[in-house]
Every structure is written in structure tokens, then in C-alpha cells.
PDB file of N, CA and C in Angstrom:
ATOM      1  N   MET A   1       0.820  -1.193   0.000  1.00  0.00           N
ATOM      2  CA  MET A   1       0.000   0.000   0.000  1.00  0.00           C
ATOM      3  C   MET A   1       0.864   1.257   0.000  1.00  0.00           C
ATOM      4  N   ILE A   2       1.902   1.308   0.833  1.00  0.00           N
ATOM      5  CA  ILE A   2       2.758   2.488   0.905  1.00  0.00           C
ATOM      6  C   ILE A   2       3.447   2.730  -0.431  1.00  0.00           C
ATOM      7  N   GLY A   3       3.952   1.713  -1.080  1.00  0.00           N
ATOM      8  CA  GLY A   3       4.589   1.869  -2.385  1.00  0.00           C
ATOM      9  C   GLY A   3       3.645   2.482  -3.403  1.00  0.00           C
ATOM     10  N   TRP A   4       2.378   2.076  -3.352  1.00  0.00           N
ATOM     11  CA  TRP A   4       1.381   2.631  -4.262  1.00  0.00           C
ATOM     12  C   TRP A   4       1.200   4.123  -4.020  1.00  0.00           C
ATOM     13  N   LEU A   5       1.159   4.546  -2.746  1.00  0.00           N
ATOM     14  CA  LEU A   5       1.003   5.964  -2.424  1.00  0.00           C
ATOM     15  C   LEU A   5       2.165   6.789  -2.957  1.00  0.00           C
ATOM     16  N   PHE A   6       3.391   6.300  -2.750  1.00  0.00           N
ATOM     17  CA  PHE A   6       4.554   7.037  -3.231  1.00  0.00           C
ATOM     18  C   PHE A   6       4.585   7.080  -4.749  1.00  0.00           C
ATOM     19  N   ALA A   7       4.237   6.010  -5.396  1.00  0.00           N
ATOM     20  CA  ALA A   7       4.248   5.986  -6.861  1.00  0.00           C
ATOM     21  C   ALA A   7       3.247   6.987  -7.413  1.00  0.00           C
ATOM     22  N   ASN A   8       2.058   7.039  -6.835  1.00  0.00           N
ATOM     23  CA  ASN A   8       1.046   7.973  -7.308  1.00  0.00           C
ATOM     24  C   ASN A   8       1.381   9.414  -6.948  1.00  0.00           C
ATOM     25  N   ALA A   9       2.001   9.648  -5.800  1.00  0.00           N
ATOM     26  CA  ALA A   9       2.398  11.002  -5.424  1.00  0.00           C
ATOM     27  C   ALA A   9       3.416  11.533  -6.420  1.00  0.00           C
ATOM     28  N   GLY A  10       4.347  10.722  -6.831  1.00  0.00           N
ATOM     29  CA  GLY A  10       5.347  11.151  -7.801  1.00  0.00           C
ATOM     30  C   GLY A  10       4.733  11.476  -9.140  1.00  0.00           C
ATOM     31  N   ALA A  11       3.734  10.717  -9.538  1.00  0.00           N
ATOM     32  CA  ALA A  11       3.100  10.939 -10.826  1.00  0.00           C
ATOM     33  C   ALA A  11       2.299  12.234 -10.836  1.00  0.00           C
ATOM     34  N   ARG A  12       1.819  12.668  -9.675  1.00  0.00           N
ATOM     35  CA  ARG A  12       1.000  13.875  -9.594  1.00  0.00           C
ATOM     36  C   ARG A  12       1.817  15.137  -9.448  1.00  0.00           C
ATOM     37  N   ALA A  13       3.075  15.019  -9.088  1.00  0.00           N
ATOM     38  CA  ALA A  13       3.891  16.187  -8.774  1.00  0.00           C
ATOM     39  C   ALA A  13       4.089  17.083  -9.992  1.00  0.00           C
ATOM     40  N   ALA A  14       3.888  18.370  -9.777  1.00  0.00           N
ATOM     41  CA  ALA A  14       4.156  19.351 -10.830  1.00  0.00           C
ATOM     42  C   ALA A  14       5.626  19.728 -10.773  1.00  0.00           C
ATOM     43  N   GLU A  15       6.157  20.167 -11.911  1.00  0.00           N
ATOM     44  CA  GLU A  15       7.533  20.661 -11.965  1.00  0.00           C
ATOM     45  C   GLU A  15       7.645  21.678 -13.089  1.00  0.00           C
ATOM     46  N   LEU A  16       8.635  22.538 -12.940  1.00  0.00           N
ATOM     47  CA  LEU A  16       8.964  23.493 -13.980  1.00  0.00           C
ATOM     48  C   LEU A  16      10.258  23.011 -14.611  1.00  0.00           C
ATOM     49  N   VAL A  17      10.182  22.648 -15.882  1.00  0.00           N
ATOM     50  CA  VAL A  17      11.351  22.122 -16.583  1.00  0.00           C
ATOM     51  C   VAL A  17      11.943  23.245 -17.430  1.00  0.00           C
ATOM     52  N   MET A  18      13.207  23.536 -17.160  1.00  0.00           N
ATOM     53  CA  MET A  18      13.924  24.575 -17.909  1.00  0.00           C
ATOM     54  C   MET A  18      14.805  23.892 -18.940  1.00  0.00           C
ATOM     55  N   PHE A  19      14.526  24.157 -20.206  1.00  0.00           N
ATOM     56  CA  PHE A  19      15.377  23.644 -21.277  1.00  0.00           C
ATOM     57  C   PHE A  19      16.456  24.679 -21.530  1.00  0.00           C
ATOM     58  N   ASP A  20      17.714  24.245 -21.400  1.00  0.00           N
ATOM     59  CA  ASP A  20      18.841  25.151 -21.564  1.00  0.00           C
ATOM     60  C   ASP A  20      19.928  24.505 -22.403  1.00  0.00           C
ATOM     61  N   GLN A  21      21.018  25.197 -22.560  1.00  0.00           N
ATOM     62  CA  GLN A  21      22.168  24.655 -23.282  1.00  0.00           C
ATOM     63  C   GLN A  21      23.408  25.418 -22.840  1.00  0.00           C
ATOM     64  N   PRO A  22      24.571  24.798 -22.943  1.00  0.00           N
ATOM     65  CA  PRO A  22      25.815  25.476 -22.578  1.00  0.00           C
ATOM     66  C   PRO A  22      26.000  26.747 -23.398  1.00  0.00           C
ATOM     67  N   GLY A  23      26.464  27.801 -22.728  1.00  0.00           N
ATOM     68  CA  GLY A  23      26.735  29.056 -23.413  1.00  0.00           C
ATOM     69  C   GLY A  23      25.523  29.954 -23.615  1.00  0.00           C
ATOM     70  N   CYS A  24      24.361  29.565 -23.137  1.00  0.00           N
ATOM     71  CA  CYS A  24      23.140  30.358 -23.281  1.00  0.00           C
ATOM     72  C   CYS A  24      23.200  31.554 -22.325  1.00  0.00           C
ATOM     73  N   VAL A  25      23.358  32.741 -22.878  1.00  0.00           N
ATOM     74  CA  VAL A  25      23.481  33.962 -22.079  1.00  0.00           C
ATOM     75  C   VAL A  25      22.213  34.229 -21.275  1.00  0.00           C
ATOM     76  N   TRP A  26      21.053  34.016 -21.890  1.00  0.00           N
ATOM     77  CA  TRP A  26      19.786  34.261 -21.193  1.00  0.00           C
ATOM     78  C   TRP A  26      19.546  33.232 -20.093  1.00  0.00           C
ATOM     79  N   CYS A  27      20.053  32.018 -20.272  1.00  0.00           N
ATOM     80  CA  CYS A  27      19.976  31.000 -19.217  1.00  0.00           C
ATOM     81  C   CYS A  27      20.819  31.442 -18.020  1.00  0.00           C
ATOM     82  N   GLN A  28      21.998  31.972 -18.294  1.00  0.00           N
ATOM     83  CA  GLN A  28      22.876  32.455 -17.234  1.00  0.00           C
ATOM     84  C   GLN A  28      22.249  33.639 -16.507  1.00  0.00           C
ATOM     85  N   ARG A  29      21.597  34.499 -17.247  1.00  0.00           N
ATOM     86  CA  ARG A  29      20.915  35.639 -16.626  1.00  0.00           C
ATOM     87  C   ARG A  29      19.804  35.143 -15.703  1.00  0.00           C
ATOM     88  N   PHE A  30      19.033  34.149 -16.141  1.00  0.00           N
ATOM     89  CA  PHE A  30      18.002  33.554 -15.293  1.00  0.00           C
ATOM     90  C   PHE A  30      18.632  32.997 -14.014  1.00  0.00           C
ATOM     91  N   GLU A  31      19.745  32.291 -14.161  1.00  0.00           N
ATOM     92  CA  GLU A  31      20.431  31.715 -12.999  1.00  0.00           C
ATOM     93  C   GLU A  31      20.792  32.807 -11.993  1.00  0.00           C
ATOM     94  N   THR A  32      21.286  33.923 -12.480  1.00  0.00           N
ATOM     95  CA  THR A  32      21.705  35.027 -11.621  1.00  0.00           C
ATOM     96  C   THR A  32      20.523  35.738 -10.963  1.00  0.00           C
ATOM     97  N   GLU A  33      19.469  35.974 -11.728  1.00  0.00           N
ATOM     98  CA  GLU A  33      18.357  36.789 -11.246  1.00  0.00           C
ATOM     99  C   GLU A  33      17.260  36.019 -10.518  1.00  0.00           C
ATOM    100  N   VAL A  34      17.071  34.749 -10.830  1.00  0.00           N
ATOM    101  CA  VAL A  34      15.894  34.036 -10.326  1.00  0.00           C
ATOM    102  C   VAL A  34      16.220  32.700  -9.655  1.00  0.00           C
ATOM    103  N   ALA A  35      17.067  31.905 -10.249  1.00  0.00           N
ATOM    104  CA  ALA A  35      17.211  30.496  -9.852  1.00  0.00           C
ATOM    105  C   ALA A  35      17.521  30.291  -8.376  1.00  0.00           C
ATOM    106  N   GLU A  36      18.387  31.102  -7.816  1.00  0.00           N
ATOM    107  CA  GLU A  36      18.778  30.891  -6.419  1.00  0.00           C
ATOM    108  C   GLU A  36      17.591  30.969  -5.459  1.00  0.00           C
ATOM    109  N   GLY A  37      16.682  31.903  -5.684  1.00  0.00           N
ATOM    110  CA  GLY A  37      15.535  32.056  -4.801  1.00  0.00           C
ATOM    111  C   GLY A  37      14.296  31.298  -5.234  1.00  0.00           C
ATOM    112  N   TYR A  38      14.348  30.670  -6.391  1.00  0.00           N
ATOM    113  CA  TYR A  38      13.151  30.020  -6.928  1.00  0.00           C
ATOM    114  C   TYR A  38      12.582  28.966  -5.986  1.00  0.00           C
ATOM    115  N   GLN A  39      13.435  28.123  -5.439  1.00  0.00           N
ATOM    116  CA  GLN A  39      12.943  27.018  -4.602  1.00  0.00           C
ATOM    117  C   GLN A  39      12.231  27.510  -3.344  1.00  0.00           C
ATOM    118  N   ARG A  40      12.510  28.739  -2.917  1.00  0.00           N
ATOM    119  CA  ARG A  40      11.867  29.288  -1.722  1.00  0.00           C
ATOM    120  C   ARG A  40      10.559  30.017  -2.036  1.00  0.00           C
ATOM    121  N   SER A  41      10.270  30.197  -3.310  1.00  0.00           N
ATOM    122  CA  SER A  41       9.047  30.908  -3.704  1.00  0.00           C
ATOM    123  C   SER A  41       7.844  29.965  -3.643  1.00  0.00           C
ATOM    124  N   GLU A  42       6.657  30.556  -3.625  1.00  0.00           N
ATOM    125  CA  GLU A  42       5.431  29.744  -3.648  1.00  0.00           C
ATOM    126  C   GLU A  42       5.390  28.877  -4.907  1.00  0.00           C
ATOM    127  N   GLU A  43       5.752  29.476  -6.056  1.00  0.00           N
ATOM    128  CA  GLU A  43       5.767  28.727  -7.311  1.00  0.00           C
ATOM    129  C   GLU A  43       6.797  27.598  -7.257  1.00  0.00           C
ATOM    130  N   GLY A  44       7.937  27.861  -6.662  1.00  0.00           N
ATOM    131  CA  GLY A  44       8.985  26.852  -6.547  1.00  0.00           C
ATOM    132  C   GLY A  44       8.589  25.688  -5.659  1.00  0.00           C
ATOM    133  N   ARG A  45       7.784  25.960  -4.649  1.00  0.00           N
ATOM    134  CA  ARG A  45       7.290  24.867  -3.796  1.00  0.00           C
ATOM    135  C   ARG A  45       6.226  24.050  -4.523  1.00  0.00           C
ATOM    136  N   ARG A  46       5.424  24.705  -5.349  1.00  0.00           N
ATOM    137  CA  ARG A  46       4.385  23.985  -6.107  1.00  0.00           C
ATOM    138  C   ARG A  46       4.952  23.225  -7.288  1.00  0.00           C
ATOM    139  N   ALA A  47       6.001  23.794  -7.918  1.00  0.00           N
ATOM    140  CA  ALA A  47       6.574  23.192  -9.129  1.00  0.00           C
ATOM    141  C   ALA A  47       8.094  23.376  -9.097  1.00  0.00           C
ATOM    142  N   PRO A  48       8.800  22.458  -8.444  1.00  0.00           N
ATOM    143  CA  PRO A  48      10.264  22.563  -8.363  1.00  0.00           C
ATOM    144  C   PRO A  48      10.899  22.637  -9.759  1.00  0.00           C
ATOM    145  N   LEU A  49      12.039  23.311  -9.825  1.00  0.00           N
ATOM    146  CA  LEU A  49      12.755  23.509 -11.074  1.00  0.00           C
ATOM    147  C   LEU A  49      13.644  22.311 -11.391  1.00  0.00           C
ATOM    148  N   ARG A  50      13.552  21.866 -12.641  1.00  0.00           N
ATOM    149  CA  ARG A  50      14.440  20.809 -13.143  1.00  0.00           C
ATOM    150  C   ARG A  50      14.988  21.274 -14.476  1.00  0.00           C
ATOM    151  N   ARG A  51      16.291  21.128 -14.664  1.00  0.00           N
ATOM    152  CA  ARG A  51      16.932  21.553 -15.908  1.00  0.00           C
ATOM    153  C   ARG A  51      17.157  20.372 -16.841  1.00  0.00           C
ATOM    154  N   VAL A  52      16.893  20.600 -18.128  1.00  0.00           N
ATOM    155  CA  VAL A  52      17.116  19.582 -19.150  1.00  0.00           C
ATOM    156  C   VAL A  52      17.833  20.263 -20.311  1.00  0.00           C
ATOM    157  N   ASP A  53      18.908  19.672 -20.771  1.00  0.00           N
ATOM    158  CA  ASP A  53      19.618  20.185 -21.941  1.00  0.00           C
ATOM    159  C   ASP A  53      18.685  20.068 -23.140  1.00  0.00           C
ATOM    160  N   ILE A  54      18.605  21.119 -23.947  1.00  0.00           N
ATOM    161  CA  ILE A  54      17.690  21.142 -25.091  1.00  0.00           C
ATOM    162  C   ILE A  54      17.939  19.968 -26.030  1.00  0.00           C
ATOM    163  N   ARG A  55      19.173  19.482 -26.076  1.00  0.00           N
ATOM    164  CA  ARG A  55      19.492  18.352 -26.954  1.00  0.00           C
ATOM    165  C   ARG A  55      18.974  17.030 -26.394  1.00  0.00           C
ATOM    166  N   GLN A  56      18.498  17.032 -25.149  1.00  0.00           N
ATOM    167  CA  GLN A  56      17.986  15.824 -24.505  1.00  0.00           C
ATOM    168  C   GLN A  56      16.472  15.867 -24.297  1.00  0.00           C
ATOM    169  N   GLN A  57      15.787  16.751 -24.997  1.00  0.00           N
ATOM    170  CA  GLN A  57      14.359  16.921 -24.735  1.00  0.00           C
ATOM    171  C   GLN A  57      13.522  15.678 -25.021  1.00  0.00           C
ATOM    172  N   ASP A  58      13.989  14.811 -25.892  1.00  0.00           N
ATOM    173  CA  ASP A  58      13.246  13.582 -26.171  1.00  0.00           C
ATOM    174  C   ASP A  58      13.227  12.638 -24.976  1.00  0.00           C
ATOM    175  N   SER A  59      14.148  12.833 -24.037  1.00  0.00           N
ATOM    176  CA  SER A  59      14.185  11.979 -22.851  1.00  0.00           C
ATOM    177  C   SER A  59      13.825  12.757 -21.586  1.00  0.00           C
ATOM    178  N   ALA A  60      13.032  13.815 -21.724  1.00  0.00           N
ATOM    179  CA  ALA A  60      12.652  14.650 -20.582  1.00  0.00           C
ATOM    180  C   ALA A  60      11.691  13.944 -19.628  1.00  0.00           C
ATOM    181  N   GLY A  61      11.022  12.886 -20.087  1.00  0.00           N
ATOM    182  CA  GLY A  61      10.139  12.131 -19.209  1.00  0.00           C
ATOM    183  C   GLY A  61       8.677  12.531 -19.286  1.00  0.00           C
ATOM    184  N   PHE A  62       8.323  13.354 -20.256  1.00  0.00           N
ATOM    185  CA  PHE A  62       6.933  13.738 -20.450  1.00  0.00           C
ATOM    186  C   PHE A  62       6.747  14.132 -21.915  1.00  0.00           C
ATOM    187  N   MET A  63       5.509  14.233 -22.326  1.00  0.00           N
ATOM    188  CA  MET A  63       5.186  14.570 -23.706  1.00  0.00           C
ATOM    189  C   MET A  63       5.119  16.088 -23.858  1.00  0.00           C
ATOM    190  N   LEU A  64       5.923  16.614 -24.755  1.00  0.00           N
ATOM    191  CA  LEU A  64       5.896  18.037 -25.067  1.00  0.00           C
ATOM    192  C   LEU A  64       4.762  18.329 -26.048  1.00  0.00           C
ATOM    193  N   ALA A  65       4.119  19.480 -25.898  1.00  0.00           N
ATOM    194  CA  ALA A  65       3.083  19.885 -26.849  1.00  0.00           C
ATOM    195  C   ALA A  65       3.702  20.191 -28.202  1.00  0.00           C
ATOM    196  N   GLN A  66       4.933  20.701 -28.185  1.00  0.00           N
ATOM    197  CA  GLN A  66       5.691  20.957 -29.405  1.00  0.00           C
ATOM    198  C   GLN A  66       7.171  20.985 -29.066  1.00  0.00           C
ATOM    199  N   HIS A  67       7.995  20.797 -30.063  1.00  0.00           N
ATOM    200  CA  HIS A  67       9.439  20.745 -29.918  1.00  0.00           C
ATOM    201  C   HIS A  67       9.960  22.073 -29.352  1.00  0.00           C
ATOM    202  N   VAL A  68      10.931  22.013 -28.432  1.00  0.00           N
ATOM    203  CA  VAL A  68      11.556  23.216 -27.882  1.00  0.00           C
ATOM    204  C   VAL A  68      12.679  23.641 -28.818  1.00  0.00           C
ATOM    205  N   ARG A  69      12.679  24.900 -29.220  1.00  0.00           N
ATOM    206  CA  ARG A  69      13.684  25.404 -30.169  1.00  0.00           C
ATOM    207  C   ARG A  69      14.541  26.533 -29.609  1.00  0.00           C
ATOM    208  N   ILE A  70      14.098  27.173 -28.529  1.00  0.00           N
ATOM    209  CA  ILE A  70      14.778  28.341 -27.972  1.00  0.00           C
ATOM    210  C   ILE A  70      15.135  28.071 -26.516  1.00  0.00           C
ATOM    211  N   THR A  71      16.341  28.530 -26.120  1.00  0.00           N
ATOM    212  CA  THR A  71      16.711  28.443 -24.708  1.00  0.00           C
ATOM    213  C   THR A  71      16.853  29.845 -24.147  1.00  0.00           C
ATOM    214  N   PRO A  72      16.418  30.024 -22.900  1.00  0.00           N
ATOM    215  CA  PRO A  72      15.706  29.017 -22.122  1.00  0.00           C
ATOM    216  C   PRO A  72      14.227  28.962 -22.501  1.00  0.00           C
ATOM    217  N   THR A  73      13.665  27.796 -22.386  1.00  0.00           N
ATOM    218  CA  THR A  73      12.223  27.603 -22.451  1.00  0.00           C
ATOM    219  C   THR A  73      11.831  26.897 -21.168  1.00  0.00           C
ATOM    220  N   PHE A  74      10.814  27.406 -20.511  1.00  0.00           N
ATOM    221  CA  PHE A  74      10.335  26.857 -19.243  1.00  0.00           C
ATOM    222  C   PHE A  74       8.996  26.186 -19.507  1.00  0.00           C
ATOM    223  N   VAL A  75       8.919  24.889 -19.220  1.00  0.00           N
ATOM    224  CA  VAL A  75       7.690  24.130 -19.463  1.00  0.00           C
ATOM    225  C   VAL A  75       7.138  23.680 -18.114  1.00  0.00           C
ATOM    226  N   LEU A  76       5.919  24.088 -17.817  1.00  0.00           N
ATOM    227  CA  LEU A  76       5.253  23.656 -16.601  1.00  0.00           C
ATOM    228  C   LEU A  76       4.591  22.315 -16.880  1.00  0.00           C
ATOM    229  N   VAL A  77       4.918  21.331 -16.059  1.00  0.00           N
ATOM    230  CA  VAL A  77       4.447  19.960 -16.255  1.00  0.00           C
ATOM    231  C   VAL A  77       3.665  19.534 -15.025  1.00  0.00           C
ATOM    232  N   ASP A  78       2.534  18.897 -15.231  1.00  0.00           N
ATOM    233  CA  ASP A  78       1.736  18.334 -14.148  1.00  0.00           C
ATOM    234  C   ASP A  78       1.194  16.996 -14.630  1.00  0.00           C
ATOM    235  N   ASN A  79       1.321  15.980 -13.810  1.00  0.00           N
ATOM    236  CA  ASN A  79       0.898  14.632 -14.195  1.00  0.00           C
ATOM    237  C   ASN A  79       1.545  14.194 -15.506  1.00  0.00           C
ATOM    238  N   GLN A  80       2.803  14.557 -15.677  1.00  0.00           N
ATOM    239  CA  GLN A  80       3.601  14.208 -16.854  1.00  0.00           C
ATOM    240  C   GLN A  80       3.008  14.763 -18.147  1.00  0.00           C
ATOM    241  N   ARG A  81       2.275  15.877 -18.046  1.00  0.00           N
ATOM    242  CA  ARG A  81       1.698  16.532 -19.216  1.00  0.00           C
ATOM    243  C   ARG A  81       2.046  18.016 -19.175  1.00  0.00           C
ATOM    244  N   GLU A  82       2.318  18.578 -20.332  1.00  0.00           N
ATOM    245  CA  GLU A  82       2.626  19.996 -20.418  1.00  0.00           C
ATOM    246  C   GLU A  82       1.376  20.817 -20.129  1.00  0.00           C
ATOM    247  N   VAL A  83       1.498  21.731 -19.182  1.00  0.00           N
ATOM    248  CA  VAL A  83       0.416  22.628 -18.815  1.00  0.00           C
ATOM    249  C   VAL A  83       0.537  23.933 -19.596  1.00  0.00           C
ATOM    250  N   GLY A  84       1.768  24.367 -19.813  1.00  0.00           N
ATOM    251  CA  GLY A  84       2.032  25.598 -20.537  1.00  0.00           C
ATOM    252  C   GLY A  84       3.524  25.866 -20.544  1.00  0.00           C
ATOM    253  N   ARG A  85       3.932  26.924 -21.251  1.00  0.00           N
ATOM    254  CA  ARG A  85       5.356  27.220 -21.348  1.00  0.00           C
ATOM    255  C   ARG A  85       5.614  28.703 -21.475  1.00  0.00           C
ATOM    256  N   LEU A  86       6.826  29.069 -21.099  1.00  0.00           N
ATOM    257  CA  LEU A  86       7.367  30.412 -21.287  1.00  0.00           C
ATOM    258  C   LEU A  86       8.580  30.244 -22.179  1.00  0.00           C
ATOM    259  N   THR A  87       8.570  30.889 -23.315  1.00  0.00           N
ATOM    260  CA  THR A  87       9.685  30.783 -24.252  1.00  0.00           C
ATOM    261  C   THR A  87      10.547  32.028 -24.130  1.00  0.00           C
ATOM    262  N   GLY A  88      11.802  31.818 -23.796  1.00  0.00           N
ATOM    263  CA  GLY A  88      12.731  32.914 -23.629  1.00  0.00           C
ATOM    264  C   GLY A  88      12.724  33.442 -22.207  1.00  0.00           C
ATOM    265  N   TYR A  89      13.622  34.383 -21.948  1.00  0.00           N
ATOM    266  CA  TYR A  89      13.728  35.003 -20.639  1.00  0.00           C
ATOM    267  C   TYR A  89      14.081  36.478 -20.817  1.00  0.00           C
ATOM    268  N   PRO A  90      13.065  37.361 -20.864  1.00  0.00           N
ATOM    269  CA  PRO A  90      13.341  38.779 -21.037  1.00  0.00           C
ATOM    270  C   PRO A  90      13.570  39.538 -19.732  1.00  0.00           C
ATOM    271  N   GLY A  91      13.575  38.823 -18.608  1.00  0.00           N
ATOM    272  CA  GLY A  91      13.828  39.458 -17.319  1.00  0.00           C
ATOM    273  C   GLY A  91      12.972  38.873 -16.222  1.00  0.00           C
ATOM    274  N   LYS A  92      13.391  39.150 -14.971  1.00  0.00           N
ATOM    275  CA  LYS A  92      12.722  38.515 -13.836  1.00  0.00           C
ATOM    276  C   LYS A  92      11.286  38.979 -13.638  1.00  0.00           C
ATOM    277  N   ASP A  93      10.983  40.250 -13.903  1.00  0.00           N
ATOM    278  CA  ASP A  93       9.606  40.714 -13.715  1.00  0.00           C
ATOM    279  C   ASP A  93       8.641  39.976 -14.648  1.00  0.00           C
ATOM    280  N   PHE A  94       9.021  39.858 -15.912  1.00  0.00           N
ATOM    281  CA  PHE A  94       8.213  39.102 -16.877  1.00  0.00           C
ATOM    282  C   PHE A  94       8.086  37.643 -16.425  1.00  0.00           C
ATOM    283  N   PHE A  95       9.208  37.045 -16.021  1.00  0.00           N
ATOM    284  CA  PHE A  95       9.208  35.636 -15.626  1.00  0.00           C
ATOM    285  C   PHE A  95       8.209  35.391 -14.501  1.00  0.00           C
ATOM    286  N   TRP A  96       8.296  36.163 -13.413  1.00  0.00           N
ATOM    287  CA  TRP A  96       7.431  35.919 -12.260  1.00  0.00           C
ATOM    288  C   TRP A  96       5.965  36.165 -12.592  1.00  0.00           C
ATOM    289  N   THR A  97       5.684  37.197 -13.371  1.00  0.00           N
ATOM    290  CA  THR A  97       4.303  37.494 -13.747  1.00  0.00           C
ATOM    291  C   THR A  97       3.711  36.363 -14.590  1.00  0.00           C
ATOM    292  N   GLU A  98       4.441  35.942 -15.595  1.00  0.00           N
ATOM    293  CA  GLU A  98       3.955  34.874 -16.473  1.00  0.00           C
ATOM    294  C   GLU A  98       3.890  33.529 -15.748  1.00  0.00           C
ATOM    295  N   LEU A  99       4.856  33.264 -14.881  1.00  0.00           N
ATOM    296  CA  LEU A  99       4.845  32.005 -14.133  1.00  0.00           C
ATOM    297  C   LEU A  99       3.642  31.935 -13.201  1.00  0.00           C
ATOM    298  N   ALA A 100       3.277  33.046 -12.572  1.00  0.00           N
ATOM    299  CA  ALA A 100       2.094  33.060 -11.707  1.00  0.00           C
ATOM    300  C   ALA A 100       0.845  32.683 -12.503  1.00  0.00           C
ATOM    301  N   THR A 101       0.747  33.177 -13.716  1.00  0.00           N
ATOM    302  CA  THR A 101      -0.381  32.821 -14.581  1.00  0.00           C
ATOM    303  C   THR A 101      -0.366  31.324 -14.890  1.00  0.00           C
ATOM    304  N   LEU A 102       0.823  30.794 -15.233  1.00  0.00           N
ATOM    305  CA  LEU A 102       0.927  29.363 -15.546  1.00  0.00           C
ATOM    306  C   LEU A 102       0.580  28.493 -14.347  1.00  0.00           C
ATOM    307  N   THR A 103       1.153  28.802 -13.186  1.00  0.00           N
ATOM    308  CA  THR A 103       0.908  27.949 -12.013  1.00  0.00           C
ATOM    309  C   THR A 103      -0.548  28.030 -11.572  1.00  0.00           C
ATOM    310  N   GLY A 104      -1.243  29.080 -11.962  1.00  0.00           N
ATOM    311  CA  GLY A 104      -2.677  29.163 -11.683  1.00  0.00           C
ATOM    312  C   GLY A 104      -3.470  28.092 -12.414  1.00  0.00           C
ATOM    313  N   ARG A 105      -2.880  27.498 -13.442  1.00  0.00           N
ATOM    314  CA  ARG A 105      -3.537  26.416 -14.186  1.00  0.00           C
ATOM    315  C   ARG A 105      -3.390  25.058 -13.523  1.00  0.00           C
ATOM    316  N   LEU A 106      -2.519  24.962 -12.515  1.00  0.00           N
ATOM    317  CA  LEU A 106      -2.313  23.685 -11.839  1.00  0.00           C
ATOM    318  C   LEU A 106      -3.550  23.316 -11.044  1.00  0.00           C
ATOM    319  N   SER A 107      -3.756  22.027 -10.859  1.00  0.00           N
ATOM    320  CA  SER A 107      -4.891  21.576 -10.061  1.00  0.00           C
ATOM    321  C   SER A 107      -4.723  22.082  -8.634  1.00  0.00           C
ATOM    322  N   ALA A 108      -5.824  22.207  -7.942  1.00  0.00           N
ATOM    323  CA  ALA A 108      -5.795  22.721  -6.578  1.00  0.00           C
ATOM    324  C   ALA A 108      -5.260  21.700  -5.589  1.00  0.00           C
ATOM    325  N   ALA A 109      -5.088  20.459  -5.988  1.00  0.00           N
ATOM    326  CA  ALA A 109      -4.605  19.420  -5.082  1.00  0.00           C
ATOM    327  C   ALA A 109      -3.194  19.753  -4.617  1.00  0.00           C
ATOM    328  N   PRO A 110      -2.927  19.659  -3.299  1.00  0.00           N
ATOM    329  CA  PRO A 110      -1.597  19.976  -2.794  1.00  0.00           C
ATOM    330  C   PRO A 110      -0.579  18.933  -3.201  1.00  0.00           C
ATOM    331  N   ARG A 111       0.690  19.356  -3.272  1.00  0.00           N
ATOM    332  CA  ARG A 111       1.785  18.412  -3.544  1.00  0.00           C
ATOM    333  C   ARG A 111       1.948  17.501  -2.341  1.00  0.00           C
ATOM    334  N   MET A 112       2.367  16.281  -2.601  1.00  0.00           N
ATOM    335  CA  MET A 112       2.592  15.309  -1.527  1.00  0.00           C
ATOM    336  C   MET A 112       4.058  14.960  -1.500  1.00  0.00           C
ATOM    337  N   ASP A 113       4.876  15.823  -0.900  1.00  0.00           N
ATOM    338  CA  ASP A 113       6.336  15.570  -0.818  1.00  0.00           C
ATOM    339  C   ASP A 113       6.679  14.743   0.374  1.00  0.00           C
TER     340      ASP A 113
END
């Protein structure tokens, strides 16, 4: 019974997947301006950040609505399905505003960490 609970909790967990690549200036800017504090934010607690190299997107572990072509691209995933995405990073104010809109699409069910 316990194994079943953990397996289902993992399947329900939301995450924010950041597709990046080495040398991406905008990815580095995101790291400097947002990444350090992300895990402490409300959005970070609801959807922890996971990084995936853009060249490895076929093995990201979920179905993309469409191929990622620009880095960084942030894909919000819930139940292994894409909920929405932010393409590019024009700055932290845009990021937080748009991310709040995306995380509003998540189910109301709390995460089970």
C-alpha cells in the first residue's frame, strides 16, 4: 500500500522544466536573477525547477506539446503533461508574472512531498 502511495504522489507532482544549453546567455541571466531564490518561492514549492539540456528533450520524461527550439524555455508539467510554457527570458519581472499565470492552471490538489 505504501509503495502505491509514493508511486502515485510522484506521478501527480508538478515541476517546472527549464530547457537550456551550454553558453546560453539568457539562461545564465536567469540563474543570476531568479534560480537561487526560486525554490523558496510559492511557485517553486508547487513546481520545483528541473533543468534539461535542449538536446535531450526527447528523454525529458513527459510529452511536449511541441518541440523546444529556444533556450531558455520553461515548461510547466503536471501529471507528466505539459500545462504551458514560457519561451525565452526577457527578465525577472516578466518571468514571475507569467509564471504566476501558468501555475494558476495547476490543479488545486496539494503536492505530496
